[in-house]
């Protein structure tokens, strides 16, 4: 959607047109372009969710077996589920930090590979 600044602000019109007007040299785009998510990102997110759920269920099952054996029903089940949830969050924290460090390194490397741009004052001269 395009906002016709000349018509809205300068001429007092309240019309938002669907296309940029021909008489306005630089219309303002008010809606951002949608970001696409790659299939690899979607599958890794799905994998993390499944990993989280399955680890929690495994620890619940182990806790239930220990509770049944010792006759202390929900103590170990609750304790091991909480332990697994905390462990999964710690794991996600370290994975996130590792990914961010990798992306920052790639970004720094791409900045070094680009030639230095001239400042606007040098371009005007």
C-alpha atoms as a PDB file:
ATOM      1  CA  UNK A   1       0.000   0.000   0.000  1.00  0.00           C
ATOM      2  CA  UNK A   2       1.333   3.421  -0.879  1.00  0.00           C
ATOM      3  CA  UNK A   3       0.648   6.630   0.952  1.00  0.00           C
ATOM      4  CA  UNK A   4       0.346   9.663  -1.284  1.00  0.00           C
ATOM      5  CA  UNK A   5       2.094  12.301   0.855  1.00  0.00           C
ATOM      6  CA  UNK A   6       1.483  15.218  -1.493  1.00  0.00           C
ATOM      7  CA  UNK A   7      -2.252  14.652  -1.660  1.00  0.00           C
ATOM      8  CA  UNK A   8      -2.721  13.861   2.024  1.00  0.00           C
ATOM      9  CA  UNK A   9      -0.521  16.422   3.747  1.00  0.00           C
ATOM     10  CA  UNK A  10      -0.073  19.318   1.355  1.00  0.00           C
ATOM     11  CA  UNK A  11      -3.431  19.410  -0.368  1.00  0.00           C
ATOM     12  CA  UNK A  12      -5.575  18.311   2.586  1.00  0.00           C
ATOM     13  CA  UNK A  13      -6.880  15.100   1.042  1.00  0.00           C
ATOM     14  CA  UNK A  14      -7.429  12.057   3.230  1.00  0.00           C
ATOM     15  CA  UNK A  15      -7.223   9.485   0.443  1.00  0.00           C
ATOM     16  CA  UNK A  16      -4.785   6.591   0.662  1.00  0.00           C
ATOM     17  CA  UNK A  17      -4.381   5.156  -2.797  1.00  0.00           C
ATOM     18  CA  UNK A  18      -3.397   1.600  -3.648  1.00  0.00           C
ATOM     19  CA  UNK A  19      -0.711   2.597  -6.164  1.00  0.00           C
ATOM     20  CA  UNK A  20       1.898   5.338  -6.203  1.00  0.00           C
ATOM     21  CA  UNK A  21       0.610   8.458  -7.910  1.00  0.00           C
ATOM     22  CA  UNK A  22       2.199   9.555 -11.152  1.00  0.00           C
ATOM     23  CA  UNK A  23       2.739  13.167 -10.057  1.00  0.00           C
ATOM     24  CA  UNK A  24       4.546  12.264  -6.804  1.00  0.00           C
ATOM     25  CA  UNK A  25       8.246  11.484  -7.418  1.00  0.00           C
ATOM     26  CA  UNK A  26       8.912   9.520  -4.203  1.00  0.00           C
ATOM     27  CA  UNK A  27       5.911   7.930  -2.482  1.00  0.00           C
ATOM     28  CA  UNK A  28       6.390   6.465   0.978  1.00  0.00           C
ATOM     29  CA  UNK A  29       5.837   2.748   1.380  1.00  0.00           C
ATOM     30  CA  UNK A  30       4.009   2.195   4.663  1.00  0.00           C
ATOM     31  CA  UNK A  31       3.774  -1.603   4.777  1.00  0.00           C
ATOM     32  CA  UNK A  32       7.002  -3.608   5.165  1.00  0.00           C
ATOM     33  CA  UNK A  33       7.785  -6.438   2.819  1.00  0.00           C
ATOM     34  CA  UNK A  34       7.032  -9.799   4.412  1.00  0.00           C
ATOM     35  CA  UNK A  35      10.072 -11.750   5.560  1.00  0.00           C
ATOM     36  CA  UNK A  36      10.390 -15.261   4.258  1.00  0.00           C
ATOM     37  CA  UNK A  37      11.440 -18.124   6.491  1.00  0.00           C
ATOM     38  CA  UNK A  38      13.555 -20.776   4.855  1.00  0.00           C
ATOM     39  CA  UNK A  39      12.649 -24.453   5.035  1.00  0.00           C
ATOM     40  CA  UNK A  40      15.815 -25.118   7.034  1.00  0.00           C
ATOM     41  CA  UNK A  41      14.761 -22.626   9.709  1.00  0.00           C
ATOM     42  CA  UNK A  42      11.281 -24.134   9.900  1.00  0.00           C
ATOM     43  CA  UNK A  43      12.569 -27.684  10.202  1.00  0.00           C
ATOM     44  CA  UNK A  44      15.105 -26.736  12.883  1.00  0.00           C
ATOM     45  CA  UNK A  45      12.362 -24.999  14.898  1.00  0.00           C
ATOM     46  CA  UNK A  46      10.144 -28.036  14.574  1.00  0.00           C
ATOM     47  CA  UNK A  47      13.047 -30.253  15.606  1.00  0.00           C
ATOM     48  CA  UNK A  48      13.712 -28.128  18.700  1.00  0.00           C
ATOM     49  CA  UNK A  49      10.068 -28.358  19.729  1.00  0.00           C
ATOM     50  CA  UNK A  50       9.980 -32.117  19.283  1.00  0.00           C
ATOM     51  CA  UNK A  51      13.268 -32.450  21.140  1.00  0.00           C
ATOM     52  CA  UNK A  52      11.903 -30.399  24.043  1.00  0.00           C
ATOM     53  CA  UNK A  53       8.689 -32.438  24.273  1.00  0.00           C
ATOM     54  CA  UNK A  54      10.352 -35.842  23.915  1.00  0.00           C
ATOM     55  CA  UNK A  55      13.055 -35.135  26.495  1.00  0.00           C
ATOM     56  CA  UNK A  56      10.400 -33.978  28.940  1.00  0.00           C
ATOM     57  CA  UNK A  57       8.343 -37.135  28.331  1.00  0.00           C
ATOM     58  CA  UNK A  58      11.390 -39.401  28.772  1.00  0.00           C
ATOM     59  CA  UNK A  59      12.258 -37.753  32.081  1.00  0.00           C
ATOM     60  CA  UNK A  60       8.614 -37.986  33.164  1.00  0.00           C
ATOM     61  CA  UNK A  61       8.645 -41.710  32.375  1.00  0.00           C
ATOM     62  CA  UNK A  62      11.918 -42.278  34.237  1.00  0.00           C
ATOM     63  CA  UNK A  63      10.566 -40.310  37.207  1.00  0.00           C
ATOM     64  CA  UNK A  64       7.342 -42.319  37.179  1.00  0.00           C
ATOM     65  CA  UNK A  65       9.309 -45.581  37.156  1.00  0.00           C
ATOM     66  CA  UNK A  66      11.498 -44.468  40.068  1.00  0.00           C
ATOM     67  CA  UNK A  67       8.424 -43.255  41.988  1.00  0.00           C
ATOM     68  CA  UNK A  68       6.653 -46.555  41.399  1.00  0.00           C
ATOM     69  CA  UNK A  69       9.705 -48.507  42.538  1.00  0.00           C
ATOM     70  CA  UNK A  70      10.191 -46.393  45.686  1.00  0.00           C
ATOM     71  CA  UNK A  71       6.508 -45.683  46.361  1.00  0.00           C
ATOM     72  CA  UNK A  72       6.985 -41.912  46.291  1.00  0.00           C
ATOM     73  CA  UNK A  73       4.573 -41.081  43.485  1.00  0.00           C
ATOM     74  CA  UNK A  74       4.877 -37.668  42.036  1.00  0.00           C
ATOM     75  CA  UNK A  75       8.118 -36.620  43.761  1.00  0.00           C
ATOM     76  CA  UNK A  76      10.651 -37.967  41.252  1.00  0.00           C
ATOM     77  CA  UNK A  77       8.321 -37.474  38.271  1.00  0.00           C
ATOM     78  CA  UNK A  78       7.869 -33.778  39.054  1.00  0.00           C
ATOM     79  CA  UNK A  79      11.514 -33.317  39.996  1.00  0.00           C
ATOM     80  CA  UNK A  80      12.857 -34.928  36.822  1.00  0.00           C
ATOM     81  CA  UNK A  81      10.395 -33.031  34.598  1.00  0.00           C
ATOM     82  CA  UNK A  82      11.531 -29.748  36.164  1.00  0.00           C
ATOM     83  CA  UNK A  83      15.166 -30.832  35.750  1.00  0.00           C
ATOM     84  CA  UNK A  84      14.568 -31.624  32.059  1.00  0.00           C
ATOM     85  CA  UNK A  85      12.815 -28.295  31.406  1.00  0.00           C
ATOM     86  CA  UNK A  86      15.619 -26.307  33.046  1.00  0.00           C
ATOM     87  CA  UNK A  87      18.183 -28.359  31.112  1.00  0.00           C
ATOM     88  CA  UNK A  88      16.385 -27.725  27.818  1.00  0.00           C
ATOM     89  CA  UNK A  89      16.309 -23.968  28.440  1.00  0.00           C
ATOM     90  CA  UNK A  90      20.019 -23.957  29.281  1.00  0.00           C
ATOM     91  CA  UNK A  91      20.695 -25.925  26.087  1.00  0.00           C
ATOM     92  CA  UNK A  92      18.620 -23.466  24.013  1.00  0.00           C
ATOM     93  CA  UNK A  93      20.508 -20.535  25.578  1.00  0.00           C
ATOM     94  CA  UNK A  94      23.903 -21.957  24.587  1.00  0.00           C
ATOM     95  CA  UNK A  95      22.682 -22.893  21.097  1.00  0.00           C
ATOM     96  CA  UNK A  96      21.316 -19.365  20.616  1.00  0.00           C
ATOM     97  CA  UNK A  97      24.596 -17.785  21.747  1.00  0.00           C
ATOM     98  CA  UNK A  98      26.608 -20.032  19.430  1.00  0.00           C
ATOM     99  CA  UNK A  99      24.354 -19.169  16.484  1.00  0.00           C
ATOM    100  CA  UNK A 100      24.559 -15.430  17.212  1.00  0.00           C
ATOM    101  CA  UNK A 101      28.368 -15.564  17.477  1.00  0.00           C
ATOM    102  CA  UNK A 102      28.522 -17.374  14.132  1.00  0.00           C
ATOM    103  CA  UNK A 103      26.231 -14.834  12.461  1.00  0.00           C
ATOM    104  CA  UNK A 104      28.182 -11.912  13.946  1.00  0.00           C
ATOM    105  CA  UNK A 105      31.425 -13.409  12.647  1.00  0.00           C
ATOM    106  CA  UNK A 106      29.902 -13.841   9.166  1.00  0.00           C
ATOM    107  CA  UNK A 107      28.621 -10.257   9.250  1.00  0.00           C
ATOM    108  CA  UNK A 108      32.031  -8.902  10.315  1.00  0.00           C
ATOM    109  CA  UNK A 109      33.688 -10.933   7.565  1.00  0.00           C
ATOM    110  CA  UNK A 110      31.291  -9.568   4.937  1.00  0.00           C
ATOM    111  CA  UNK A 111      31.939  -6.016   6.152  1.00  0.00           C
ATOM    112  CA  UNK A 112      35.686  -6.511   5.751  1.00  0.00           C
ATOM    113  CA  UNK A 113      35.201  -7.934   2.265  1.00  0.00           C
ATOM    114  CA  UNK A 114      33.247  -4.858   1.088  1.00  0.00           C
ATOM    115  CA  UNK A 115      35.259  -1.862  -0.079  1.00  0.00           C
ATOM    116  CA  UNK A 116      35.091   1.188   2.150  1.00  0.00           C
ATOM    117  CA  UNK A 117      32.408   3.591   0.994  1.00  0.00           C
ATOM    118  CA  UNK A 118      33.013   7.284   0.740  1.00  0.00           C
ATOM    119  CA  UNK A 119      31.279   9.665   3.114  1.00  0.00           C
ATOM    120  CA  UNK A 120      28.483  11.915   1.793  1.00  0.00           C
ATOM    121  CA  UNK A 121      30.667  15.023   2.214  1.00  0.00           C
ATOM    122  CA  UNK A 122      33.368  13.475  -0.020  1.00  0.00           C
ATOM    123  CA  UNK A 123      30.771  12.580  -2.652  1.00  0.00           C
ATOM    124  CA  UNK A 124      29.460  16.177  -2.773  1.00  0.00           C
ATOM    125  CA  UNK A 125      32.931  17.633  -3.362  1.00  0.00           C
END
